[in-house]
Amino acid sequence: TVSIDGKEAYEYVYTSNQNGVEREHKAVWFEKGGQAYVIMYSAPLDQFEDNLKVFDYILSEIQIT
């Protein structure tokens, strides 16, 4: 589990292969008002780490209202 704006969230990191292109994904799931939400980042395997810090920054700064 991780935290988004002080709320418990679940983080999943996984890979996929579609049309011969391998991608890595990071999905963060959370609940608000009885609804489930997901924030997701995806990139080809060789580019995933390059922008992951931007995604993590967004997660650290997001405010759920």
N, C-alpha and C. Protein backbone atom coordinates (compact mmCIF):
# COMPACT_ATOMS: atom_id res chain seq x y z
N THR A 1 0.84 -1.19 0.00
CA THR A 1 0.00 0.00 0.00
C THR A 1 0.88 1.25 0.00
N VAL A 2 0.34 2.32 -0.50
CA VAL A 2 0.97 3.63 -0.51
C VAL A 2 -0.05 4.64 -0.03
N SER A 3 0.33 5.89 0.03
CA SER A 3 -0.58 6.93 0.48
C SER A 3 -0.68 8.02 -0.58
N ILE A 4 -1.90 8.46 -0.85
CA ILE A 4 -2.15 9.60 -1.73
C ILE A 4 -2.98 10.60 -0.94
N ASP A 5 -2.42 11.77 -0.74
CA ASP A 5 -3.12 12.83 0.01
C ASP A 5 -3.62 12.31 1.35
N GLY A 6 -2.79 11.47 1.99
CA GLY A 6 -3.13 10.93 3.31
C GLY A 6 -4.12 9.77 3.28
N LYS A 7 -4.53 9.34 2.11
CA LYS A 7 -5.47 8.22 1.99
C LYS A 7 -4.73 6.97 1.53
N GLU A 8 -5.15 5.82 2.06
CA GLU A 8 -4.54 4.56 1.68
C GLU A 8 -4.83 4.25 0.22
N ALA A 9 -3.80 3.80 -0.49
CA ALA A 9 -3.94 3.43 -1.90
C ALA A 9 -3.13 2.15 -2.13
N TYR A 10 -3.42 1.51 -3.24
CA TYR A 10 -2.73 0.27 -3.59
C TYR A 10 -1.95 0.49 -4.88
N GLU A 11 -0.70 0.07 -4.87
CA GLU A 11 0.18 0.28 -6.01
C GLU A 11 0.49 -1.06 -6.67
N TYR A 12 0.36 -1.09 -7.99
CA TYR A 12 0.69 -2.29 -8.77
C TYR A 12 1.65 -1.88 -9.87
N VAL A 13 2.74 -2.64 -10.01
CA VAL A 13 3.69 -2.45 -11.10
C VAL A 13 3.72 -3.76 -11.88
N TYR A 14 3.52 -3.66 -13.18
CA TYR A 14 3.46 -4.87 -14.00
C TYR A 14 3.91 -4.56 -15.43
N THR A 15 4.17 -5.60 -16.20
CA THR A 15 4.56 -5.44 -17.60
C THR A 15 3.52 -6.06 -18.51
N SER A 16 3.49 -5.60 -19.74
CA SER A 16 2.59 -6.16 -20.74
C SER A 16 3.32 -6.22 -22.08
N ASN A 17 2.79 -6.99 -22.98
CA ASN A 17 3.35 -7.11 -24.32
C ASN A 17 2.19 -7.04 -25.29
N GLN A 18 2.17 -5.99 -26.09
CA GLN A 18 1.11 -5.81 -27.07
C GLN A 18 1.75 -5.51 -28.41
N ASN A 19 1.44 -6.31 -29.37
CA ASN A 19 2.00 -6.16 -30.72
C ASN A 19 3.53 -6.13 -30.71
N GLY A 20 4.12 -6.92 -29.83
CA GLY A 20 5.57 -7.03 -29.76
C GLY A 20 6.26 -5.92 -28.99
N VAL A 21 5.50 -4.98 -28.43
CA VAL A 21 6.08 -3.89 -27.65
C VAL A 21 5.86 -4.18 -26.17
N GLU A 22 6.97 -4.35 -25.45
CA GLU A 22 6.86 -4.56 -24.00
C GLU A 22 6.79 -3.22 -23.30
N ARG A 23 5.82 -3.12 -22.40
CA ARG A 23 5.62 -1.88 -21.64
C ARG A 23 5.59 -2.22 -20.16
N GLU A 24 6.01 -1.27 -19.37
CA GLU A 24 5.88 -1.39 -17.92
C GLU A 24 4.84 -0.38 -17.47
N HIS A 25 4.06 -0.77 -16.48
CA HIS A 25 2.96 0.06 -16.00
C HIS A 25 3.05 0.20 -14.48
N LYS A 26 2.65 1.34 -13.99
CA LYS A 26 2.50 1.56 -12.56
C LYS A 26 1.10 2.14 -12.36
N ALA A 27 0.29 1.42 -11.61
CA ALA A 27 -1.08 1.85 -11.35
C ALA A 27 -1.28 2.03 -9.85
N VAL A 28 -1.90 3.13 -9.47
CA VAL A 28 -2.19 3.40 -8.07
C VAL A 28 -3.71 3.55 -7.94
N TRP A 29 -4.29 2.65 -7.16
CA TRP A 29 -5.75 2.59 -6.98
C TRP A 29 -6.11 3.16 -5.62
N PHE A 30 -7.19 3.95 -5.57
CA PHE A 30 -7.68 4.46 -4.29
C PHE A 30 -9.19 4.61 -4.36
N GLU A 31 -9.79 4.76 -3.19
CA GLU A 31 -11.25 4.89 -3.08
C GLU A 31 -11.58 6.27 -2.54
N LYS A 32 -12.61 6.87 -3.08
CA LYS A 32 -13.10 8.17 -2.61
C LYS A 32 -14.60 8.19 -2.81
N GLY A 33 -15.35 8.40 -1.76
CA GLY A 33 -16.80 8.51 -1.85
C GLY A 33 -17.47 7.27 -2.43
N GLY A 34 -16.95 6.11 -2.10
CA GLY A 34 -17.56 4.87 -2.58
C GLY A 34 -17.22 4.53 -4.02
N GLN A 35 -16.33 5.29 -4.66
CA GLN A 35 -15.91 5.04 -6.04
C GLN A 35 -14.43 4.66 -6.06
N ALA A 36 -14.06 3.79 -6.97
CA ALA A 36 -12.65 3.42 -7.14
C ALA A 36 -12.05 4.26 -8.25
N TYR A 37 -10.82 4.71 -8.04
CA TYR A 37 -10.10 5.51 -9.02
C TYR A 37 -8.71 4.92 -9.23
N VAL A 38 -8.14 5.15 -10.40
CA VAL A 38 -6.78 4.70 -10.68
C VAL A 38 -6.01 5.82 -11.38
N ILE A 39 -4.77 5.99 -10.98
CA ILE A 39 -3.84 6.89 -11.66
C ILE A 39 -2.77 5.98 -12.23
N MET A 40 -2.49 6.11 -13.52
CA MET A 40 -1.62 5.14 -14.16
C MET A 40 -0.52 5.81 -14.98
N TYR A 41 0.64 5.18 -14.94
CA TYR A 41 1.78 5.58 -15.76
C TYR A 41 2.22 4.36 -16.55
N SER A 42 2.52 4.55 -17.83
CA SER A 42 2.91 3.45 -18.70
C SER A 42 3.94 3.95 -19.70
N ALA A 43 4.94 3.09 -19.99
CA ALA A 43 5.97 3.45 -20.97
C ALA A 43 6.64 2.18 -21.45
N PRO A 44 7.27 2.24 -22.64
CA PRO A 44 8.07 1.09 -23.08
C PRO A 44 9.14 0.79 -22.02
N LEU A 45 9.49 -0.49 -21.91
CA LEU A 45 10.43 -0.92 -20.86
C LEU A 45 11.69 -0.06 -20.80
N ASP A 46 12.26 0.26 -21.93
CA ASP A 46 13.52 1.01 -21.93
C ASP A 46 13.35 2.49 -21.61
N GLN A 47 12.12 2.96 -21.47
CA GLN A 47 11.86 4.37 -21.15
C GLN A 47 11.14 4.57 -19.82
N PHE A 48 10.75 3.48 -19.18
CA PHE A 48 9.92 3.56 -17.97
C PHE A 48 10.58 4.39 -16.87
N GLU A 49 11.83 4.10 -16.55
CA GLU A 49 12.51 4.79 -15.46
C GLU A 49 12.74 6.27 -15.76
N ASP A 50 12.84 6.63 -17.04
CA ASP A 50 13.16 8.01 -17.42
C ASP A 50 12.16 9.03 -16.88
N ASN A 51 10.88 8.70 -16.89
CA ASN A 51 9.85 9.65 -16.46
C ASN A 51 9.12 9.23 -15.21
N LEU A 52 9.54 8.13 -14.59
CA LEU A 52 8.87 7.66 -13.39
C LEU A 52 8.92 8.71 -12.28
N LYS A 53 10.01 9.46 -12.19
CA LYS A 53 10.10 10.48 -11.13
C LYS A 53 9.03 11.56 -11.30
N VAL A 54 8.63 11.86 -12.52
CA VAL A 54 7.57 12.84 -12.76
C VAL A 54 6.24 12.28 -12.25
N PHE A 55 5.96 11.02 -12.57
CA PHE A 55 4.74 10.38 -12.09
C PHE A 55 4.72 10.35 -10.56
N ASP A 56 5.84 9.95 -9.95
CA ASP A 56 5.90 9.89 -8.49
C ASP A 56 5.73 11.28 -7.87
N TYR A 57 6.26 12.31 -8.52
CA TYR A 57 6.07 13.68 -8.04
C TYR A 57 4.59 14.07 -8.07
N ILE A 58 3.94 13.75 -9.17
CA ILE A 58 2.50 14.05 -9.27
C ILE A 58 1.74 13.36 -8.14
N LEU A 59 2.05 12.08 -7.90
CA LEU A 59 1.38 11.36 -6.81
C LEU A 59 1.63 12.01 -5.45
N SER A 60 2.84 12.53 -5.25
CA SER A 60 3.16 13.11 -3.95
C SER A 60 2.48 14.47 -3.75
N GLU A 61 2.12 15.14 -4.84
CA GLU A 61 1.54 16.49 -4.74
C GLU A 61 0.03 16.53 -4.95
N ILE A 62 -0.57 15.45 -5.40
CA ILE A 62 -2.00 15.45 -5.72
C ILE A 62 -2.83 15.64 -4.46
N GLN A 63 -3.91 16.38 -4.60
CA GLN A 63 -4.85 16.58 -3.51
C GLN A 63 -6.22 16.07 -3.96
N ILE A 64 -6.79 15.19 -3.16
CA ILE A 64 -8.08 14.59 -3.48
C ILE A 64 -9.16 15.35 -2.73
N THR A 65 -10.08 15.96 -3.50
CA THR A 65 -11.15 16.73 -2.85
C THR A 65 -12.50 16.13 -3.13
